[in-house]
């Protein structure tokens, strides 16, 4: 069963894990105003921490992989000029992972792949 809810602070209705779509829309919109991913995460925090959503394992894996790729690519592009922003994204993702099994899976997959290798 898919749940519908309204994201606090917005008038946008989010059904299930369409919060991924909401995240991508806000990220694309934020690119024109140089908005950081950490700011977008914080503004959508209530929506992104909801675990209502896909019922199939395939849907869950697709969402997790998409989020992991977003975080990995963003950190690769950002780390050279804004290490503090990368740190903030990691801390926020850890916070989301503490309340959402989806974001815990994203954190578990993304963090090891972006740690500095000696």
N, C-alpha and C. Protein backbone atom coordinates (compact mmCIF):
# COMPACT_ATOMS: atom_id res chain seq x y z
N UNK A 1 0.83 -1.18 0.00
CA UNK A 1 0.00 0.00 0.00
C UNK A 1 0.88 1.24 0.00
N UNK A 2 0.60 2.16 -0.91
CA UNK A 2 1.39 3.36 -1.02
C UNK A 2 0.73 4.48 -0.23
N UNK A 3 1.53 5.22 0.53
CA UNK A 3 1.00 6.29 1.35
C UNK A 3 1.22 7.62 0.66
N UNK A 4 0.30 8.53 0.83
CA UNK A 4 0.46 9.89 0.33
C UNK A 4 0.54 10.82 1.53
N UNK A 5 1.36 11.83 1.43
CA UNK A 5 1.48 12.80 2.50
C UNK A 5 1.98 14.10 1.90
N UNK A 6 1.90 15.16 2.68
CA UNK A 6 2.41 16.45 2.24
C UNK A 6 3.72 16.71 2.97
N UNK A 7 4.68 17.15 2.21
CA UNK A 7 5.98 17.49 2.78
C UNK A 7 5.85 18.79 3.56
N UNK A 8 6.28 18.78 4.83
CA UNK A 8 6.18 20.01 5.61
C UNK A 8 7.02 21.10 4.96
N UNK A 9 6.50 22.28 5.00
CA UNK A 9 7.21 23.41 4.42
C UNK A 9 6.95 23.58 2.94
N UNK A 10 6.26 22.63 2.31
CA UNK A 10 5.92 22.77 0.90
C UNK A 10 4.46 22.39 0.73
N UNK A 11 3.92 22.72 -0.40
CA UNK A 11 2.54 22.33 -0.67
C UNK A 11 2.53 21.13 -1.61
N UNK A 12 3.69 20.50 -1.80
CA UNK A 12 3.78 19.40 -2.75
C UNK A 12 3.38 18.09 -2.10
N UNK A 13 2.49 17.38 -2.76
CA UNK A 13 2.07 16.07 -2.29
C UNK A 13 3.11 15.06 -2.76
N UNK A 14 3.52 14.20 -1.86
CA UNK A 14 4.53 13.20 -2.18
C UNK A 14 3.92 11.84 -1.95
N UNK A 15 3.90 11.00 -2.97
CA UNK A 15 3.34 9.67 -2.83
C UNK A 15 4.48 8.66 -2.79
N UNK A 16 4.53 7.91 -1.70
CA UNK A 16 5.56 6.89 -1.59
C UNK A 16 6.95 7.48 -1.69
N UNK A 17 7.81 6.83 -2.45
CA UNK A 17 9.18 7.31 -2.59
C UNK A 17 9.33 8.25 -3.78
N UNK A 18 8.26 8.92 -4.12
CA UNK A 18 8.39 9.98 -5.11
C UNK A 18 9.18 11.14 -4.52
N UNK A 19 9.58 10.99 -3.25
CA UNK A 19 10.45 12.01 -2.65
C UNK A 19 11.77 12.07 -3.41
N UNK A 20 12.17 10.98 -4.06
CA UNK A 20 13.37 11.00 -4.90
C UNK A 20 13.15 11.97 -6.06
N UNK A 21 11.98 11.93 -6.65
CA UNK A 21 11.66 12.86 -7.73
C UNK A 21 11.64 14.29 -7.20
N UNK A 22 11.06 14.47 -6.02
CA UNK A 22 11.03 15.79 -5.39
C UNK A 22 12.45 16.29 -5.15
N UNK A 23 13.33 15.43 -4.67
CA UNK A 23 14.73 15.77 -4.45
C UNK A 23 15.39 16.21 -5.76
N UNK A 24 15.17 15.44 -6.81
CA UNK A 24 15.81 15.78 -8.09
C UNK A 24 15.27 17.10 -8.65
N UNK A 25 13.96 17.34 -8.49
CA UNK A 25 13.39 18.60 -8.97
C UNK A 25 13.99 19.79 -8.22
N UNK A 26 14.12 19.66 -6.91
CA UNK A 26 14.69 20.74 -6.11
C UNK A 26 16.18 20.92 -6.42
N UNK A 27 16.88 19.83 -6.69
CA UNK A 27 18.30 19.91 -7.01
C UNK A 27 18.50 20.64 -8.34
N UNK A 28 17.71 20.26 -9.35
CA UNK A 28 17.82 20.91 -10.66
C UNK A 28 17.45 22.39 -10.54
N UNK A 29 16.39 22.69 -9.82
CA UNK A 29 16.00 24.09 -9.62
C UNK A 29 17.07 24.85 -8.85
N UNK A 30 17.71 24.20 -7.89
CA UNK A 30 18.75 24.83 -7.09
C UNK A 30 20.03 25.07 -7.83
N UNK A 31 20.27 24.30 -8.90
CA UNK A 31 21.50 24.48 -9.68
C UNK A 31 21.57 25.89 -10.26
N UNK A 32 20.43 26.43 -10.67
CA UNK A 32 20.43 27.77 -11.25
C UNK A 32 20.71 28.84 -10.20
N UNK A 33 20.44 28.55 -8.95
CA UNK A 33 20.70 29.53 -7.89
C UNK A 33 21.90 29.13 -7.04
N UNK A 34 22.69 28.19 -7.51
CA UNK A 34 23.88 27.70 -6.81
C UNK A 34 23.56 27.16 -5.42
N UNK A 35 22.40 26.56 -5.27
CA UNK A 35 22.00 25.98 -3.99
C UNK A 35 22.73 24.65 -3.79
N UNK A 36 23.26 24.46 -2.61
CA UNK A 36 24.03 23.26 -2.29
C UNK A 36 23.09 22.09 -1.99
N UNK A 37 23.59 20.88 -2.20
CA UNK A 37 22.81 19.68 -1.91
C UNK A 37 22.47 19.62 -0.42
N UNK A 38 23.37 20.07 0.44
CA UNK A 38 23.07 20.05 1.87
C UNK A 38 21.86 20.92 2.19
N UNK A 39 21.75 22.07 1.55
CA UNK A 39 20.59 22.95 1.76
C UNK A 39 19.31 22.30 1.28
N UNK A 40 19.39 21.60 0.17
CA UNK A 40 18.22 20.91 -0.38
C UNK A 40 17.81 19.77 0.54
N UNK A 41 18.80 18.99 1.01
CA UNK A 41 18.51 17.92 1.97
C UNK A 41 17.79 18.48 3.20
N UNK A 42 18.32 19.58 3.75
CA UNK A 42 17.73 20.16 4.96
C UNK A 42 16.31 20.66 4.71
N UNK A 43 16.08 21.27 3.57
CA UNK A 43 14.74 21.80 3.30
C UNK A 43 13.72 20.70 3.06
N UNK A 44 14.17 19.52 2.63
CA UNK A 44 13.27 18.40 2.34
C UNK A 44 13.37 17.29 3.37
N UNK A 45 14.05 17.54 4.47
CA UNK A 45 14.31 16.50 5.47
C UNK A 45 13.08 15.70 5.88
N UNK A 46 11.96 16.33 6.22
CA UNK A 46 10.79 15.52 6.62
C UNK A 46 10.33 14.56 5.52
N UNK A 47 10.40 15.01 4.28
CA UNK A 47 9.96 14.17 3.15
C UNK A 47 10.94 13.02 2.93
N UNK A 48 12.21 13.32 2.96
CA UNK A 48 13.22 12.33 2.61
C UNK A 48 13.36 11.24 3.66
N UNK A 49 12.93 11.50 4.89
CA UNK A 49 13.07 10.50 5.94
C UNK A 49 11.87 9.58 6.04
N UNK A 50 10.85 9.79 5.22
CA UNK A 50 9.70 8.90 5.23
C UNK A 50 10.06 7.58 4.57
N UNK A 51 9.64 6.49 5.15
CA UNK A 51 9.92 5.18 4.58
C UNK A 51 8.72 4.57 3.87
N UNK A 52 7.69 5.37 3.63
CA UNK A 52 6.57 4.83 2.87
C UNK A 52 7.01 4.73 1.42
N UNK A 53 6.54 3.76 0.71
CA UNK A 53 6.94 3.73 -0.67
C UNK A 53 6.83 2.41 -1.36
N UNK A 54 7.82 2.14 -2.20
CA UNK A 54 7.74 0.99 -3.09
C UNK A 54 7.61 -0.31 -2.30
N UNK A 55 6.87 -1.21 -2.87
CA UNK A 55 6.66 -2.48 -2.20
C UNK A 55 7.53 -3.57 -2.78
N UNK A 56 8.10 -3.35 -3.95
CA UNK A 56 8.93 -4.39 -4.54
C UNK A 56 10.40 -4.11 -4.25
N UNK A 57 11.15 -5.16 -4.12
CA UNK A 57 12.59 -5.05 -3.86
C UNK A 57 13.29 -4.34 -5.02
N UNK A 58 12.81 -4.54 -6.24
CA UNK A 58 13.40 -3.89 -7.40
C UNK A 58 13.26 -2.37 -7.31
N UNK A 59 12.07 -1.90 -6.91
CA UNK A 59 11.87 -0.46 -6.77
C UNK A 59 12.78 0.11 -5.69
N UNK A 60 12.88 -0.57 -4.57
CA UNK A 60 13.73 -0.12 -3.47
C UNK A 60 15.18 -0.03 -3.93
N UNK A 61 15.67 -1.06 -4.59
CA UNK A 61 17.05 -1.08 -5.06
C UNK A 61 17.32 0.03 -6.08
N UNK A 62 16.35 0.30 -6.95
CA UNK A 62 16.50 1.36 -7.94
C UNK A 62 16.63 2.72 -7.26
N UNK A 63 15.79 2.98 -6.28
CA UNK A 63 15.84 4.25 -5.55
C UNK A 63 17.16 4.37 -4.80
N UNK A 64 17.58 3.32 -4.13
CA UNK A 64 18.84 3.34 -3.38
C UNK A 64 20.01 3.62 -4.31
N UNK A 65 20.08 2.90 -5.43
CA UNK A 65 21.20 3.09 -6.37
C UNK A 65 21.20 4.50 -6.95
N UNK A 66 20.02 5.03 -7.24
CA UNK A 66 19.94 6.40 -7.77
C UNK A 66 20.46 7.41 -6.76
N UNK A 67 20.08 7.24 -5.51
CA UNK A 67 20.54 8.15 -4.45
C UNK A 67 22.04 8.02 -4.22
N UNK A 68 22.54 6.80 -4.23
CA UNK A 68 23.98 6.57 -4.07
C UNK A 68 24.74 7.27 -5.19
N UNK A 69 24.29 7.11 -6.42
CA UNK A 69 24.96 7.75 -7.56
C UNK A 69 24.92 9.27 -7.44
N UNK A 70 23.78 9.82 -7.02
CA UNK A 70 23.67 11.26 -6.83
C UNK A 70 24.71 11.75 -5.82
N UNK A 71 24.79 11.09 -4.69
CA UNK A 71 25.72 11.50 -3.63
C UNK A 71 27.16 11.33 -4.09
N UNK A 72 27.48 10.21 -4.72
CA UNK A 72 28.85 9.98 -5.19
C UNK A 72 29.27 11.02 -6.22
N UNK A 73 28.44 11.27 -7.20
CA UNK A 73 28.80 12.24 -8.24
C UNK A 73 28.89 13.65 -7.68
N UNK A 74 27.96 13.99 -6.80
CA UNK A 74 27.98 15.33 -6.20
C UNK A 74 29.27 15.53 -5.39
N UNK A 75 29.65 14.55 -4.58
CA UNK A 75 30.86 14.71 -3.77
C UNK A 75 32.11 14.76 -4.64
N UNK A 76 32.15 13.99 -5.73
CA UNK A 76 33.30 14.04 -6.63
C UNK A 76 33.44 15.42 -7.26
N UNK A 77 32.32 16.04 -7.62
CA UNK A 77 32.36 17.37 -8.23
C UNK A 77 32.63 18.47 -7.22
N UNK A 78 32.26 18.26 -5.97
CA UNK A 78 32.31 19.30 -4.96
C UNK A 78 33.57 19.28 -4.11
N UNK A 79 34.15 18.12 -3.89
CA UNK A 79 35.23 17.99 -2.92
C UNK A 79 36.43 18.89 -3.23
N UNK A 80 36.72 19.14 -4.47
CA UNK A 80 37.89 19.94 -4.83
C UNK A 80 37.76 21.40 -4.41
N UNK A 81 36.54 21.91 -4.33
CA UNK A 81 36.39 23.33 -4.02
C UNK A 81 35.57 23.61 -2.76
N UNK A 82 34.95 22.58 -2.15
CA UNK A 82 34.14 22.84 -0.96
C UNK A 82 34.03 21.59 -0.09
N UNK A 83 35.10 21.30 0.63
CA UNK A 83 35.14 20.11 1.49
C UNK A 83 34.09 20.22 2.60
N UNK A 84 33.84 21.43 3.08
CA UNK A 84 32.84 21.61 4.14
C UNK A 84 31.45 21.18 3.67
N UNK A 85 31.11 21.47 2.42
CA UNK A 85 29.82 21.06 1.87
C UNK A 85 29.72 19.53 1.82
N UNK A 86 30.79 18.87 1.44
CA UNK A 86 30.80 17.40 1.41
C UNK A 86 30.59 16.87 2.83
N UNK A 87 31.26 17.47 3.79
CA UNK A 87 31.09 17.07 5.19
C UNK A 87 29.63 17.23 5.63
N UNK A 88 29.02 18.37 5.29
CA UNK A 88 27.63 18.62 5.66
C UNK A 88 26.69 17.58 5.04
N UNK A 89 26.91 17.27 3.77
CA UNK A 89 26.08 16.26 3.10
C UNK A 89 26.20 14.91 3.81
N UNK A 90 27.41 14.53 4.18
CA UNK A 90 27.62 13.25 4.87
C UNK A 90 26.94 13.25 6.24
N UNK A 91 27.03 14.35 6.98
CA UNK A 91 26.39 14.42 8.30
C UNK A 91 24.86 14.37 8.19
N UNK A 92 24.32 15.08 7.23
CA UNK A 92 22.87 15.07 7.03
C UNK A 92 22.41 13.68 6.60
N UNK A 93 23.18 13.06 5.73
CA UNK A 93 22.81 11.71 5.28
C UNK A 93 22.87 10.73 6.45
N UNK A 94 23.84 10.89 7.34
CA UNK A 94 23.91 10.04 8.53
C UNK A 94 22.68 10.26 9.42
N UNK A 95 22.28 11.50 9.56
CA UNK A 95 21.09 11.83 10.34
C UNK A 95 19.85 11.17 9.72
N UNK A 96 19.71 11.27 8.41
CA UNK A 96 18.57 10.65 7.72
C UNK A 96 18.63 9.13 7.85
N UNK A 97 19.84 8.57 7.82
CA UNK A 97 20.01 7.13 7.95
C UNK A 97 19.61 6.60 9.31
N UNK A 98 19.65 7.46 10.31
CA UNK A 98 19.23 7.07 11.65
C UNK A 98 17.72 6.93 11.78
N UNK A 99 16.99 7.52 10.86
CA UNK A 99 15.53 7.50 10.94
C UNK A 99 14.86 6.81 9.75
N UNK A 100 15.62 6.49 8.73
CA UNK A 100 15.04 5.91 7.53
C UNK A 100 15.91 4.75 7.05
N UNK A 101 15.29 3.60 6.88
CA UNK A 101 16.06 2.44 6.40
C UNK A 101 16.58 2.66 4.99
N UNK A 102 15.83 3.39 4.18
CA UNK A 102 16.29 3.68 2.82
C UNK A 102 17.58 4.49 2.85
N UNK A 103 17.60 5.57 3.65
CA UNK A 103 18.79 6.41 3.71
C UNK A 103 19.95 5.74 4.44
N UNK A 104 19.64 4.81 5.33
CA UNK A 104 20.71 4.02 5.97
C UNK A 104 21.40 3.18 4.91
N UNK A 105 20.62 2.58 4.01
CA UNK A 105 21.21 1.79 2.91
C UNK A 105 22.04 2.67 1.98
N UNK A 106 21.53 3.87 1.69
CA UNK A 106 22.28 4.82 0.84
C UNK A 106 23.59 5.19 1.52
N UNK A 107 23.51 5.51 2.80
CA UNK A 107 24.72 5.87 3.56
C UNK A 107 25.73 4.73 3.55
N UNK A 108 25.25 3.52 3.83
CA UNK A 108 26.14 2.35 3.89
C UNK A 108 26.85 2.09 2.57
N UNK A 109 26.20 2.40 1.46
CA UNK A 109 26.81 2.18 0.15
C UNK A 109 27.64 3.36 -0.33
N UNK A 110 27.21 4.57 -0.02
CA UNK A 110 27.87 5.75 -0.55
C UNK A 110 29.15 6.12 0.20
N UNK A 111 29.10 6.08 1.51
CA UNK A 111 30.23 6.56 2.31
C UNK A 111 31.53 5.82 2.01
N UNK A 112 31.55 4.49 2.00
CA UNK A 112 32.82 3.80 1.71
C UNK A 112 33.37 4.12 0.31
N UNK A 113 32.49 4.36 -0.62
CA UNK A 113 32.96 4.60 -1.99
C UNK A 113 33.52 5.99 -2.19
N UNK A 114 33.24 6.92 -1.26
CA UNK A 114 33.77 8.28 -1.44
C UNK A 114 34.84 8.65 -0.44
N UNK A 115 35.19 7.73 0.46
CA UNK A 115 36.27 8.02 1.41
C UNK A 115 37.59 8.10 0.68
N UNK A 116 38.46 8.95 1.19
CA UNK A 116 39.77 9.17 0.57
C UNK A 116 40.59 7.89 0.67
N UNK A 117 41.14 7.52 -0.46
CA UNK A 117 42.01 6.34 -0.51
C UNK A 117 43.47 6.79 -0.48
N UNK A 118 44.30 6.15 0.35
CA UNK A 118 45.74 6.49 0.42
C UNK A 118 46.50 5.76 -0.65
